[in-house]
Amino acid sequence: MVLYKLKDFDSDYQDAAGRDDIVGLDVYTDQDDEKVGSVKNILVDEAGRFRYLVVDTGFWIFGKQVLLPVGRTRIFPSSKRVYALGFTKEQAQNLPEFNDDLRIDNDYEEQVRGVYRTAPIERSAALESSAPLDTPKAYQAPTTEAIPAPAPAANYDRSTYTYEQEPHLYDINHQDQQTLKLYEERLVASKQRRSAGEVAIGKRVETETAQVSVPIEREQVVIERVTPTNAGTPVSPTTGAFQEGEVAHVQLYEETPDIRKETVVGEEVRIRKEVEQDTVEAQETVRREKLDINTQNPSDVDRRI
């Protein structure tokens, strides 16, 4: 049989059940109202049924943690108390110690059961009466009624043992303490991020014919014939007239276009993402359990909310 810590088994059990949390309540003996310690945790079976309260005995037994079967308890959330029926220091000392790292197996549970089987339960009148327990002074001097414990399981068989075999250890007093869980469904909204598409942005090279105009200059020889002002005037024989081979040299220049290409930045493209927000409305049918009370006399029921 596997046991779980209650909050590991169901992290929101308190909200789902709508009840007060038992963890943290003070634990007292039912015989002399002596404080034993406090409830540190609750152990449940595979079906979520309460099986043990983990009680930290504090200074009572030098900080020892022990298991208290739920059948040996009476729980009063309104007075913030748990009463351990028939619990004694001797039992606490004989119980195997519990810690959070302990692996509970059948042998360990059998040690626990063996301690409680050997002692009968003596219930105090205070717990059986209807006196309010909202104040510590509500406890009265006990008048006890011995309830014999069953004999230890001589033929203990770990393969067939069930908690139902020992109701005096594991059954809660259903006449006085009944819990009816009302469940309801609720919508839980969450978001998932998924890829909606991809935009690829790249570059390509296009070619085109560009045209540019460049003004250029070119030199040429201009031959112009004119009549000199001294035309008809005799010249000296020494002037070199009628000599062959005389040539005039004129250097001509011209401009030619020099066309080349250079790369420059034409424009800049900036790429970024922007987030657009939208609200999606969802509608679903949910169920809720309601409490139906059938009674012939309405005054029999005290409705407390």
C-alpha atoms as a PDB file:
ATOM      1  CA  MET A   1       0.000   0.000   0.000  1.00  0.00           C
ATOM      2  CA  VAL A   2       1.407   3.353  -1.055  1.00  0.00           C
ATOM      3  CA  LEU A   3       0.953   6.485   1.041  1.00  0.00           C
ATOM      4  CA  TYR A   4       1.242  10.064  -0.191  1.00  0.00           C
ATOM      5  CA  LYS A   5       1.519  13.420   1.475  1.00  0.00           C
ATOM      6  CA  LEU A   6      -1.821  15.127   0.947  1.00  0.00           C
ATOM      7  CA  LYS A   7      -0.493  18.161  -0.889  1.00  0.00           C
ATOM      8  CA  ASP A   8       1.611  15.935  -3.150  1.00  0.00           C
ATOM      9  CA  PHE A   9      -1.506  13.908  -3.931  1.00  0.00           C
ATOM     10  CA  ASP A  10      -3.773  16.930  -4.482  1.00  0.00           C
ATOM     11  CA  SER A  11      -2.155  20.366  -4.283  1.00  0.00           C
ATOM     12  CA  ASP A  12      -5.461  22.263  -4.146  1.00  0.00           C
ATOM     13  CA  TYR A  13      -7.449  19.840  -1.978  1.00  0.00           C
ATOM     14  CA  GLN A  14      -8.431  22.559   0.458  1.00  0.00           C
ATOM     15  CA  ASP A  15      -9.954  24.794  -2.219  1.00  0.00           C
ATOM     16  CA  ALA A  16     -11.700  21.848  -3.858  1.00  0.00           C
ATOM     17  CA  ALA A  17     -13.156  20.566  -0.614  1.00  0.00           C
ATOM     18  CA  GLY A  18     -14.025  23.987   0.765  1.00  0.00           C
ATOM     19  CA  ARG A  19     -12.888  23.036   4.243  1.00  0.00           C
ATOM     20  CA  ASP A  20     -10.488  24.268   6.858  1.00  0.00           C
ATOM     21  CA  ASP A  21      -6.922  23.090   6.659  1.00  0.00           C
ATOM     22  CA  ILE A  22      -6.051  20.464   9.267  1.00  0.00           C
ATOM     23  CA  VAL A  23      -2.319  20.963   8.871  1.00  0.00           C
ATOM     24  CA  GLY A  24      -1.053  23.233  11.633  1.00  0.00           C
ATOM     25  CA  LEU A  25      -3.802  22.423  14.148  1.00  0.00           C
ATOM     26  CA  ASP A  26      -2.689  21.698  17.707  1.00  0.00           C
ATOM     27  CA  VAL A  27      -3.020  18.131  18.966  1.00  0.00           C
ATOM     28  CA  TYR A  28      -4.184  17.351  22.527  1.00  0.00           C
ATOM     29  CA  THR A  29      -4.746  14.163  24.497  1.00  0.00           C
ATOM     30  CA  ASP A  30      -8.402  13.411  25.188  1.00  0.00           C
ATOM     31  CA  GLN A  31      -7.696  12.305  28.757  1.00  0.00           C
ATOM     32  CA  ASP A  32      -6.068  15.311  30.391  1.00  0.00           C
ATOM     33  CA  ASP A  33      -6.147  17.946  27.626  1.00  0.00           C
ATOM     34  CA  GLU A  34      -2.354  17.936  27.505  1.00  0.00           C
ATOM     35  CA  LYS A  35      -0.883  19.410  24.352  1.00  0.00           C
ATOM     36  CA  VAL A  36       0.935  16.751  22.342  1.00  0.00           C
ATOM     37  CA  GLY A  37       2.179  18.853  19.430  1.00  0.00           C
ATOM     38  CA  SER A  38       0.772  19.931  16.067  1.00  0.00           C
ATOM     39  CA  VAL A  39      -0.275  18.384  12.777  1.00  0.00           C
ATOM     40  CA  LYS A  40       2.603  18.731  10.350  1.00  0.00           C
ATOM     41  CA  ASN A  41       1.192  16.722   7.446  1.00  0.00           C
ATOM     42  CA  ILE A  42      -1.484  14.257   6.341  1.00  0.00           C
ATOM     43  CA  LEU A  43      -0.872  10.925   4.639  1.00  0.00           C
ATOM     44  CA  VAL A  44      -3.459   9.538   2.215  1.00  0.00           C
ATOM     45  CA  ASP A  45      -3.738   6.281   0.298  1.00  0.00           C
ATOM     46  CA  GLU A  46      -4.043   5.761  -3.481  1.00  0.00           C
ATOM     47  CA  ALA A  47      -7.716   6.747  -3.370  1.00  0.00           C
ATOM     48  CA  GLY A  48      -7.044   9.950  -1.420  1.00  0.00           C
ATOM     49  CA  ARG A  49      -8.528   8.673   1.856  1.00  0.00           C
ATOM     50  CA  PHE A  50      -6.986  10.035   5.054  1.00  0.00           C
ATOM     51  CA  ARG A  51      -4.951   7.357   6.833  1.00  0.00           C
ATOM     52  CA  TYR A  52      -2.527   9.133   9.190  1.00  0.00           C
ATOM     53  CA  LEU A  53      -1.871  12.516  10.696  1.00  0.00           C
ATOM     54  CA  VAL A  54       1.840  13.310  10.989  1.00  0.00           C
ATOM     55  CA  VAL A  55       2.202  14.791  14.475  1.00  0.00           C
ATOM     56  CA  ASP A  56       5.268  16.797  15.461  1.00  0.00           C
ATOM     57  CA  THR A  57       5.442  16.268  19.216  1.00  0.00           C
ATOM     58  CA  GLY A  58       7.633  19.329  19.743  1.00  0.00           C
ATOM     59  CA  PHE A  59       8.973  19.364  23.307  1.00  0.00           C
ATOM     60  CA  TRP A  60       6.571  16.661  24.437  1.00  0.00           C
ATOM     61  CA  ILE A  61       8.844  13.879  23.162  1.00  0.00           C
ATOM     62  CA  PHE A  62      11.917  15.912  22.171  1.00  0.00           C
ATOM     63  CA  GLY A  63      10.719  16.912  18.707  1.00  0.00           C
ATOM     64  CA  LYS A  64       9.833  13.437  17.526  1.00  0.00           C
ATOM     65  CA  GLN A  65       7.425  13.037  14.588  1.00  0.00           C
ATOM     66  CA  VAL A  66       4.985  10.120  14.774  1.00  0.00           C
ATOM     67  CA  LEU A  67       2.002   8.810  12.838  1.00  0.00           C
ATOM     68  CA  LEU A  68      -1.476   9.042  14.366  1.00  0.00           C
ATOM     69  CA  PRO A  69      -4.151   6.927  12.611  1.00  0.00           C
ATOM     70  CA  VAL A  70      -7.195   9.020  11.677  1.00  0.00           C
ATOM     71  CA  GLY A  71      -9.461   6.553  13.504  1.00  0.00           C
ATOM     72  CA  ARG A  72      -7.787   7.634  16.729  1.00  0.00           C
ATOM     73  CA  THR A  73      -8.592  11.330  16.233  1.00  0.00           C
ATOM     74  CA  ARG A  74     -11.429  13.781  16.692  1.00  0.00           C
ATOM     75  CA  ILE A  75     -10.995  16.964  14.668  1.00  0.00           C
ATOM     76  CA  PHE A  76     -12.569  20.294  15.650  1.00  0.00           C
ATOM     77  CA  PRO A  77     -11.567  22.944  13.086  1.00  0.00           C
ATOM     78  CA  SER A  78     -13.640  25.659  14.795  1.00  0.00           C
ATOM     79  CA  SER A  79     -11.533  25.393  17.953  1.00  0.00           C
ATOM     80  CA  LYS A  80      -8.316  24.701  15.998  1.00  0.00           C
ATOM     81  CA  ARG A  81      -7.814  21.425  17.846  1.00  0.00           C
ATOM     82  CA  VAL A  82      -7.293  17.754  17.163  1.00  0.00           C
ATOM     83  CA  TYR A  83      -7.843  15.280  20.004  1.00  0.00           C
ATOM     84  CA  ALA A  84      -5.787  12.076  20.004  1.00  0.00           C
ATOM     85  CA  LEU A  85      -7.928   9.345  21.531  1.00  0.00           C
ATOM     86  CA  GLY A  86      -6.160   7.296  24.174  1.00  0.00           C
ATOM     87  CA  PHE A  87      -2.775   8.686  23.153  1.00  0.00           C
ATOM     88  CA  THR A  88      -0.048   8.533  25.792  1.00  0.00           C
ATOM     89  CA  LYS A  89       3.593   9.460  26.106  1.00  0.00           C
ATOM     90  CA  GLU A  90       4.435   5.776  26.336  1.00  0.00           C
ATOM     91  CA  GLN A  91       2.833   5.184  22.951  1.00  0.00           C
ATOM     92  CA  ALA A  92       4.682   8.153  21.458  1.00  0.00           C
ATOM     93  CA  GLN A  93       7.977   6.808  22.767  1.00  0.00           C
ATOM     94  CA  ASN A  94       7.282   3.323  21.377  1.00  0.00           C
ATOM     95  CA  LEU A  95       6.218   4.537  17.921  1.00  0.00           C
ATOM     96  CA  PRO A  96       8.834   4.483  15.150  1.00  0.00           C
ATOM     97  CA  GLU A  97      10.024   7.955  14.247  1.00  0.00           C
ATOM     98  CA  PHE A  98       8.777   9.539  11.013  1.00  0.00           C
ATOM     99  CA  ASN A  99      10.636  11.954   8.759  1.00  0.00           C
ATOM    100  CA  ASP A 100       9.961  13.433   5.337  1.00  0.00           C
ATOM    101  CA  ASP A 101      12.572  11.262   3.610  1.00  0.00           C
ATOM    102  CA  LEU A 102      11.287   8.033   5.119  1.00  0.00           C
ATOM    103  CA  ARG A 103       9.992   5.367   2.765  1.00  0.00           C
ATOM    104  CA  ILE A 104       6.912   3.892   4.418  1.00  0.00           C
ATOM    105  CA  ASP A 105       6.451   0.199   3.747  1.00  0.00           C
ATOM    106  CA  ASN A 106       4.179  -2.459   5.215  1.00  0.00           C
ATOM    107  CA  ASP A 107       6.649  -3.362   7.938  1.00  0.00           C
ATOM    108  CA  TYR A 108       6.840   0.256   9.121  1.00  0.00           C
ATOM    109  CA  GLU A 109       3.048   0.543   9.199  1.00  0.00           C
ATOM    110  CA  GLU A 110       2.800  -2.722  11.103  1.00  0.00           C
ATOM    111  CA  GLN A 111       5.107  -1.290  13.776  1.00  0.00           C
ATOM    112  CA  VAL A 112       2.787   1.709  14.063  1.00  0.00           C
ATOM    113  CA  ARG A 113      -0.332  -0.446  14.211  1.00  0.00           C
ATOM    114  CA  GLY A 114       1.265  -2.710  16.810  1.00  0.00           C
ATOM    115  CA  VAL A 115       1.646   0.215  19.250  1.00  0.00           C
ATOM    116  CA  TYR A 116      -1.992   1.262  18.957  1.00  0.00           C
ATOM    117  CA  ARG A 117      -3.389  -2.294  19.034  1.00  0.00           C
ATOM    118  CA  THR A 118      -1.959  -2.945  22.494  1.00  0.00           C
ATOM    119  CA  ALA A 119      -3.890  -0.150  24.225  1.00  0.00           C
ATOM    120  CA  PRO A 120      -7.679   0.298  24.475  1.00  0.00           C
ATOM    121  CA  ILE A 121      -9.233   3.668  23.694  1.00  0.00           C
ATOM    122  CA  GLU A 122     -10.686   5.640  26.578  1.00  0.00           C
ATOM    123  CA  ARG A 123     -12.885   8.438  25.325  1.00  0.00           C
ATOM    124  CA  SER A 124     -13.585  11.429  27.512  1.00  0.00           C
ATOM    125  CA  ALA A 125     -17.098  12.705  28.050  1.00  0.00           C
ATOM    126  CA  ALA A 126     -15.968  16.083  26.781  1.00  0.00           C
ATOM    127  CA  LEU A 127     -15.533  14.731  23.288  1.00  0.00           C
ATOM    128  CA  GLU A 128     -18.819  12.871  23.299  1.00  0.00           C
ATOM    129  CA  SER A 129     -20.843  15.831  24.575  1.00  0.00           C
ATOM    130  CA  SER A 130     -22.127  18.697  22.485  1.00  0.00           C
ATOM    131  CA  ALA A 131     -20.293  21.312  24.550  1.00  0.00           C
ATOM    132  CA  PRO A 132     -18.598  23.893  22.325  1.00  0.00           C
ATOM    133  CA  LEU A 133     -14.865  23.545  21.928  1.00  0.00           C
ATOM    134  CA  ASP A 134     -14.186  27.031  20.631  1.00  0.00           C
ATOM    135  CA  THR A 135     -12.372  27.930  23.831  1.00  0.00           C
ATOM    136  CA  PRO A 136      -9.693  25.870  25.600  1.00  0.00           C
ATOM    137  CA  LYS A 137     -11.750  25.909  28.795  1.00  0.00           C
ATOM    138  CA  ALA A 138     -14.483  23.852  27.143  1.00  0.00           C
ATOM    139  CA  TYR A 139     -12.606  20.701  28.084  1.00  0.00           C
ATOM    140  CA  GLN A 140     -14.129  18.885  31.058  1.00  0.00           C
ATOM    141  CA  ALA A 141     -12.770  16.315  33.417  1.00  0.00           C
ATOM    142  CA  PRO A 142     -13.015  13.010  31.554  1.00  0.00           C
ATOM    143  CA  THR A 143     -15.333  10.207  32.422  1.00  0.00           C
ATOM    144  CA  THR A 144     -13.919   7.331  30.451  1.00  0.00           C
ATOM    145  CA  GLU A 145     -15.421   4.399  28.712  1.00  0.00           C
ATOM    146  CA  ALA A 146     -13.004   1.672  27.766  1.00  0.00           C
ATOM    147  CA  ILE A 147     -13.350   0.476  24.208  1.00  0.00           C
ATOM    148  CA  PRO A 148     -11.293  -2.673  23.846  1.00  0.00           C
ATOM    149  CA  ALA A 149      -8.929  -2.774  20.954  1.00  0.00           C
ATOM    150  CA  PRO A 150      -8.996  -5.846  18.750  1.00  0.00           C
ATOM    151  CA  ALA A 151      -6.292  -8.401  19.172  1.00  0.00           C
ATOM    152  CA  PRO A 152      -3.177  -7.943  17.105  1.00  0.00           C
ATOM    153  CA  ALA A 153      -3.247  -9.583  13.718  1.00  0.00           C
ATOM    154  CA  ALA A 154      -1.444 -12.769  14.532  1.00  0.00           C
ATOM    155  CA  ASN A 155      -1.463 -13.952  10.937  1.00  0.00           C
ATOM    156  CA  TYR A 156      -0.452 -10.663   9.398  1.00  0.00           C
ATOM    157  CA  ASP A 157      -0.369 -10.995   5.629  1.00  0.00           C
ATOM    158  CA  ARG A 158       1.013  -7.932   3.900  1.00  0.00           C
ATOM    159  CA  SER A 159      -0.345  -9.064   0.541  1.00  0.00           C
ATOM    160  CA  THR A 160      -3.973  -9.196   1.682  1.00  0.00           C
ATOM    161  CA  TYR A 161      -4.114  -6.621   4.485  1.00  0.00           C
ATOM    162  CA  THR A 162      -6.510  -3.710   3.991  1.00  0.00           C
ATOM    163  CA  TYR A 163      -7.212  -0.688   6.176  1.00  0.00           C
ATOM    164  CA  GLU A 164     -10.847  -1.779   6.387  1.00  0.00           C
ATOM    165  CA  GLN A 165      -9.761  -4.713   8.560  1.00  0.00           C
ATOM    166  CA  GLU A 166      -9.084  -2.323  11.429  1.00  0.00           C
ATOM    167  CA  PRO A 167     -11.759   0.380  11.419  1.00  0.00           C
ATOM    168  CA  HIS A 168     -10.820   1.376  14.974  1.00  0.00           C
ATOM    169  CA  LEU A 169      -7.571   2.738  13.471  1.00  0.00           C
ATOM    170  CA  TYR A 170      -8.611   4.104  10.103  1.00  0.00           C
ATOM    171  CA  ASP A 171     -12.321   4.930  10.122  1.00  0.00           C
ATOM    172  CA  ILE A 172     -13.274   8.494  10.922  1.00  0.00           C
ATOM    173  CA  ASN A 173     -16.325   8.885  13.155  1.00  0.00           C
ATOM    174  CA  HIS A 174     -18.755   9.310  10.274  1.00  0.00           C
ATOM    175  CA  GLN A 175     -21.676  10.008  12.601  1.00  0.00           C
ATOM    176  CA  ASP A 176     -20.039  13.182  13.891  1.00  0.00           C
ATOM    177  CA  GLN A 177     -17.761  14.093  11.026  1.00  0.00           C
ATOM    178  CA  GLN A 178     -18.955  13.787   7.456  1.00  0.00           C
ATOM    179  CA  THR A 179     -17.612  15.697   4.525  1.00  0.00           C
ATOM    180  CA  LEU A 180     -19.499  15.907   1.261  1.00  0.00           C
ATOM    181  CA  LYS A 181     -17.398  17.327  -1.531  1.00  0.00           C
ATOM    182  CA  LEU A 182     -19.200  19.504  -4.045  1.00  0.00           C
ATOM    183  CA  TYR A 183     -17.236  19.735  -7.248  1.00  0.00           C
ATOM    184  CA  GLU A 184     -17.479  22.294  -9.983  1.00  0.00           C
ATOM    185  CA  GLU A 185     -15.807  22.791 -13.300  1.00  0.00           C
ATOM    186  CA  ARG A 186     -14.046  25.969 -14.256  1.00  0.00           C
ATOM    187  CA  LEU A 187     -12.494  27.226 -17.442  1.00  0.00           C
ATOM    188  CA  VAL A 188      -8.740  27.468 -17.444  1.00  0.00           C
ATOM    189  CA  ALA A 189      -7.347  29.714 -20.157  1.00  0.00           C
ATOM    190  CA  SER A 190      -3.805  29.395 -21.366  1.00  0.00           C
ATOM    191  CA  LYS A 191      -1.834  30.440 -24.395  1.00  0.00           C
ATOM    192  CA  GLN A 192       0.419  28.511 -26.710  1.00  0.00           C
ATOM    193  CA  ARG A 193       2.979  30.181 -28.941  1.00  0.00           C
ATOM    194  CA  ARG A 194       3.144  28.699 -32.406  1.00  0.00           C
ATOM    195  CA  SER A 195       4.628  29.701 -35.750  1.00  0.00           C
ATOM    196  CA  ALA A 196       2.122  31.597 -37.874  1.00  0.00           C
ATOM    197  CA  GLY A 197       4.351  32.010 -40.921  1.00  0.00           C
ATOM    198  CA  GLU A 198       7.674  33.321 -42.110  1.00  0.00           C
ATOM    199  CA  VAL A 199       8.640  36.378 -44.120  1.00  0.00           C
ATOM    200  CA  ALA A 200      11.844  36.059 -46.178  1.00  0.00           C
ATOM    201  CA  ILE A 201      13.467  39.360 -47.136  1.00  0.00           C
ATOM    202  CA  GLY A 202      16.430  39.206 -49.536  1.00  0.00           C
ATOM    203  CA  LYS A 203      18.234  41.186 -52.284  1.00  0.00           C
ATOM    204  CA  ARG A 204      18.524  40.634 -55.991  1.00  0.00           C
ATOM    205  CA  VAL A 205      20.534  42.443 -58.736  1.00  0.00           C
ATOM    206  CA  GLU A 206      18.762  44.074 -61.640  1.00  0.00           C
ATOM    207  CA  THR A 207      20.540  45.685 -64.651  1.00  0.00           C
ATOM    208  CA  GLU A 208      19.473  48.712 -66.648  1.00  0.00           C
ATOM    209  CA  THR A 209      21.066  51.079 -69.198  1.00  0.00           C
ATOM    210  CA  ALA A 210      22.072  54.439 -67.787  1.00  0.00           C
ATOM    211  CA  GLN A 211      22.850  57.492 -69.916  1.00  0.00           C
ATOM    212  CA  VAL A 212      25.087  60.415 -69.073  1.00  0.00           C
ATOM    213  CA  SER A 213      26.047  63.518 -71.132  1.00  0.00           C
ATOM    214  CA  VAL A 214      29.630  64.832 -71.024  1.00  0.00           C
ATOM    215  CA  PRO A 215      30.577  68.053 -72.921  1.00  0.00           C
ATOM    216  CA  ILE A 216      34.040  67.767 -74.629  1.00  0.00           C
ATOM    217  CA  GLU A 217      36.294  70.155 -76.559  1.00  0.00           C
ATOM    218  CA  ARG A 218      38.288  69.470 -79.711  1.00  0.00           C
ATOM    219  CA  GLU A 219      40.865  71.819 -81.354  1.00  0.00           C
ATOM    220  CA  GLN A 220      41.084  72.292 -85.128  1.00  0.00           C
ATOM    221  CA  VAL A 221      43.210  74.474 -87.474  1.00  0.00           C
ATOM    222  CA  VAL A 222      41.555  77.419 -89.100  1.00  0.00           C
ATOM    223  CA  ILE A 223      43.252  78.735 -92.257  1.00  0.00           C
ATOM    224  CA  GLU A 224      42.254  82.275 -93.099  1.00  0.00           C
ATOM    225  CA  ARG A 225      43.586  84.310 -95.995  1.00  0.00           C
ATOM    226  CA  VAL A 226      43.724  88.114 -95.579  1.00  0.00           C
ATOM    227  CA  THR A 227      45.366  91.015 -97.490  1.00  0.00           C
ATOM    228  CA  PRO A 228      48.110  92.562 -95.395  1.00  0.00           C
ATOM    229  CA  THR A 229      48.225  96.284 -94.951  1.00  0.00           C
ATOM    230  CA  ASN A 230      51.612  96.596 -96.687  1.00  0.00           C
ATOM    231  CA  ALA A 231      50.565  94.700 -99.741  1.00  0.00           C
ATOM    232  CA  GLY A 232      52.509  95.845-102.835  1.00  0.00           C
ATOM    233  CA  THR A 233      55.462  97.134-100.880  1.00  0.00           C
ATOM    234  CA  PRO A 234      58.853  95.880-102.181  1.00  0.00           C
ATOM    235  CA  VAL A 235      60.782  93.628 -99.805  1.00  0.00           C
ATOM    236  CA  SER A 236      64.492  93.120 -99.315  1.00  0.00           C
ATOM    237  CA  PRO A 237      66.137  90.193-101.013  1.00  0.00           C
ATOM    238  CA  THR A 238      67.349  89.048 -97.597  1.00  0.00           C
ATOM    239  CA  THR A 239      63.878  88.296 -96.213  1.00  0.00           C
ATOM    240  CA  GLY A 240      63.985  84.692 -97.358  1.00  0.00           C
ATOM    241  CA  ALA A 241      61.426  84.999-100.085  1.00  0.00           C
ATOM    242  CA  PHE A 242      60.994  82.085-102.413  1.00  0.00           C
ATOM    243  CA  GLN A 243      62.660  79.569-100.116  1.00  0.00           C
ATOM    244  CA  GLU A 244      61.253  76.032-100.267  1.00  0.00           C
ATOM    245  CA  GLY A 245      60.607  73.807 -97.235  1.00  0.00           C
ATOM    246  CA  GLU A 246      59.157  76.352 -94.853  1.00  0.00           C
ATOM    247  CA  VAL A 247      56.500  74.633 -92.658  1.00  0.00           C
ATOM    248  CA  ALA A 248      54.280  75.942 -89.816  1.00  0.00           C
ATOM    249  CA  HIS A 249      53.520  73.427 -86.983  1.00  0.00           C
ATOM    250  CA  VAL A 250      50.321  73.752 -84.894  1.00  0.00           C
ATOM    251  CA  GLN A 251      49.642  71.254 -82.014  1.00  0.00           C
ATOM    252  CA  LEU A 252      45.969  70.284 -81.821  1.00  0.00           C
ATOM    253  CA  TYR A 253      44.269  68.971 -78.619  1.00  0.00           C
ATOM    254  CA  GLU A 254      40.915  67.372 -77.983  1.00  0.00           C
ATOM    255  CA  GLU A 255      38.972  66.048 -74.931  1.00  0.00           C
ATOM    256  CA  THR A 256      37.725  62.483 -74.713  1.00  0.00           C
ATOM    257  CA  PRO A 257      35.004  61.303 -72.281  1.00  0.00           C
ATOM    258  CA  ASP A 258      36.172  59.194 -69.264  1.00  0.00           C
ATOM    259  CA  ILE A 259      33.184  56.977 -68.199  1.00  0.00           C
ATOM    260  CA  ARG A 260      33.520  54.720 -65.115  1.00  0.00           C
ATOM    261  CA  LYS A 261      31.195  53.161 -62.531  1.00  0.00           C
ATOM    262  CA  GLU A 262      31.277  53.516 -58.741  1.00  0.00           C
ATOM    263  CA  THR A 263      29.109  51.871 -56.041  1.00  0.00           C
ATOM    264  CA  VAL A 264      27.154  54.076 -53.682  1.00  0.00           C
ATOM    265  CA  VAL A 265      24.382  53.504 -51.085  1.00  0.00           C
ATOM    266  CA  GLY A 266      21.060  54.082 -52.778  1.00  0.00           C
ATOM    267  CA  GLU A 267      18.740  53.546 -49.770  1.00  0.00           C
ATOM    268  CA  GLU A 268      18.521  51.711 -46.448  1.00  0.00           C
ATOM    269  CA  VAL A 269      15.770  49.226 -45.526  1.00  0.00           C
ATOM    270  CA  ARG A 270      15.045  48.655 -41.820  1.00  0.00           C
ATOM    271  CA  ILE A 271      13.308  45.390 -40.797  1.00  0.00           C
ATOM    272  CA  ARG A 272      11.555  44.931 -37.404  1.00  0.00           C
ATOM    273  CA  LYS A 273       8.599  43.121 -35.843  1.00  0.00           C
ATOM    274  CA  GLU A 274       5.604  44.698 -34.161  1.00  0.00           C
ATOM    275  CA  VAL A 275       3.195  42.875 -31.837  1.00  0.00           C
ATOM    276  CA  GLU A 276      -0.509  43.399 -32.306  1.00  0.00           C
ATOM    277  CA  GLN A 277      -2.753  42.496 -29.378  1.00  0.00           C
ATOM    278  CA  ASP A 278      -6.186  40.999 -29.672  1.00  0.00           C
ATOM    279  CA  THR A 279      -8.660  39.389 -27.243  1.00  0.00           C
ATOM    280  CA  VAL A 280     -10.193  36.036 -28.096  1.00  0.00           C
ATOM    281  CA  GLU A 281     -13.477  35.187 -26.393  1.00  0.00           C
ATOM    282  CA  ALA A 282     -14.173  31.536 -25.590  1.00  0.00           C
ATOM    283  CA  GLN A 283     -17.371  30.005 -24.293  1.00  0.00           C
ATOM    284  CA  GLU A 284     -17.863  26.538 -22.826  1.00  0.00           C
ATOM    285  CA  THR A 285     -20.437  24.788 -20.680  1.00  0.00           C
ATOM    286  CA  VAL A 286     -19.279  24.015 -17.132  1.00  0.00           C
ATOM    287  CA  ARG A 287     -20.923  21.908 -14.448  1.00  0.00           C
ATOM    288  CA  ARG A 288     -21.388  22.621 -10.740  1.00  0.00           C
ATOM    289  CA  GLU A 289     -22.669  20.367  -8.014  1.00  0.00           C
ATOM    290  CA  LYS A 290     -25.337  21.766  -5.701  1.00  0.00           C
ATOM    291  CA  LEU A 291     -26.357  20.453  -2.300  1.00  0.00           C
ATOM    292  CA  ASP A 292     -29.830  18.930  -1.977  1.00  0.00           C
ATOM    293  CA  ILE A 293     -31.131  18.553   1.582  1.00  0.00           C
ATOM    294  CA  ASN A 294     -34.179  16.351   2.159  1.00  0.00           C
ATOM    295  CA  THR A 295     -35.690  16.494   5.635  1.00  0.00           C
ATOM    296  CA  GLN A 296     -39.176  16.440   7.061  1.00  0.00           C
ATOM    297  CA  ASN A 297     -38.312  18.979   9.729  1.00  0.00           C
ATOM    298  CA  PRO A 298     -36.299  21.971   8.407  1.00  0.00           C
ATOM    299  CA  SER A 299     -35.313  22.924  11.952  1.00  0.00           C
ATOM    300  CA  ASP A 300     -33.185  19.767  12.118  1.00  0.00           C
ATOM    301  CA  VAL A 301     -30.647  21.373   9.818  1.00  0.00           C
ATOM    302  CA  ASP A 302     -28.403  24.234  10.912  1.00  0.00           C
ATOM    303  CA  ARG A 303     -27.211  25.842   7.704  1.00  0.00           C
ATOM    304  CA  ARG A 304     -23.856  27.457   8.205  1.00  0.00           C
ATOM    305  CA  ILE A 305     -22.042  29.158   5.375  1.00  0.00           C
END
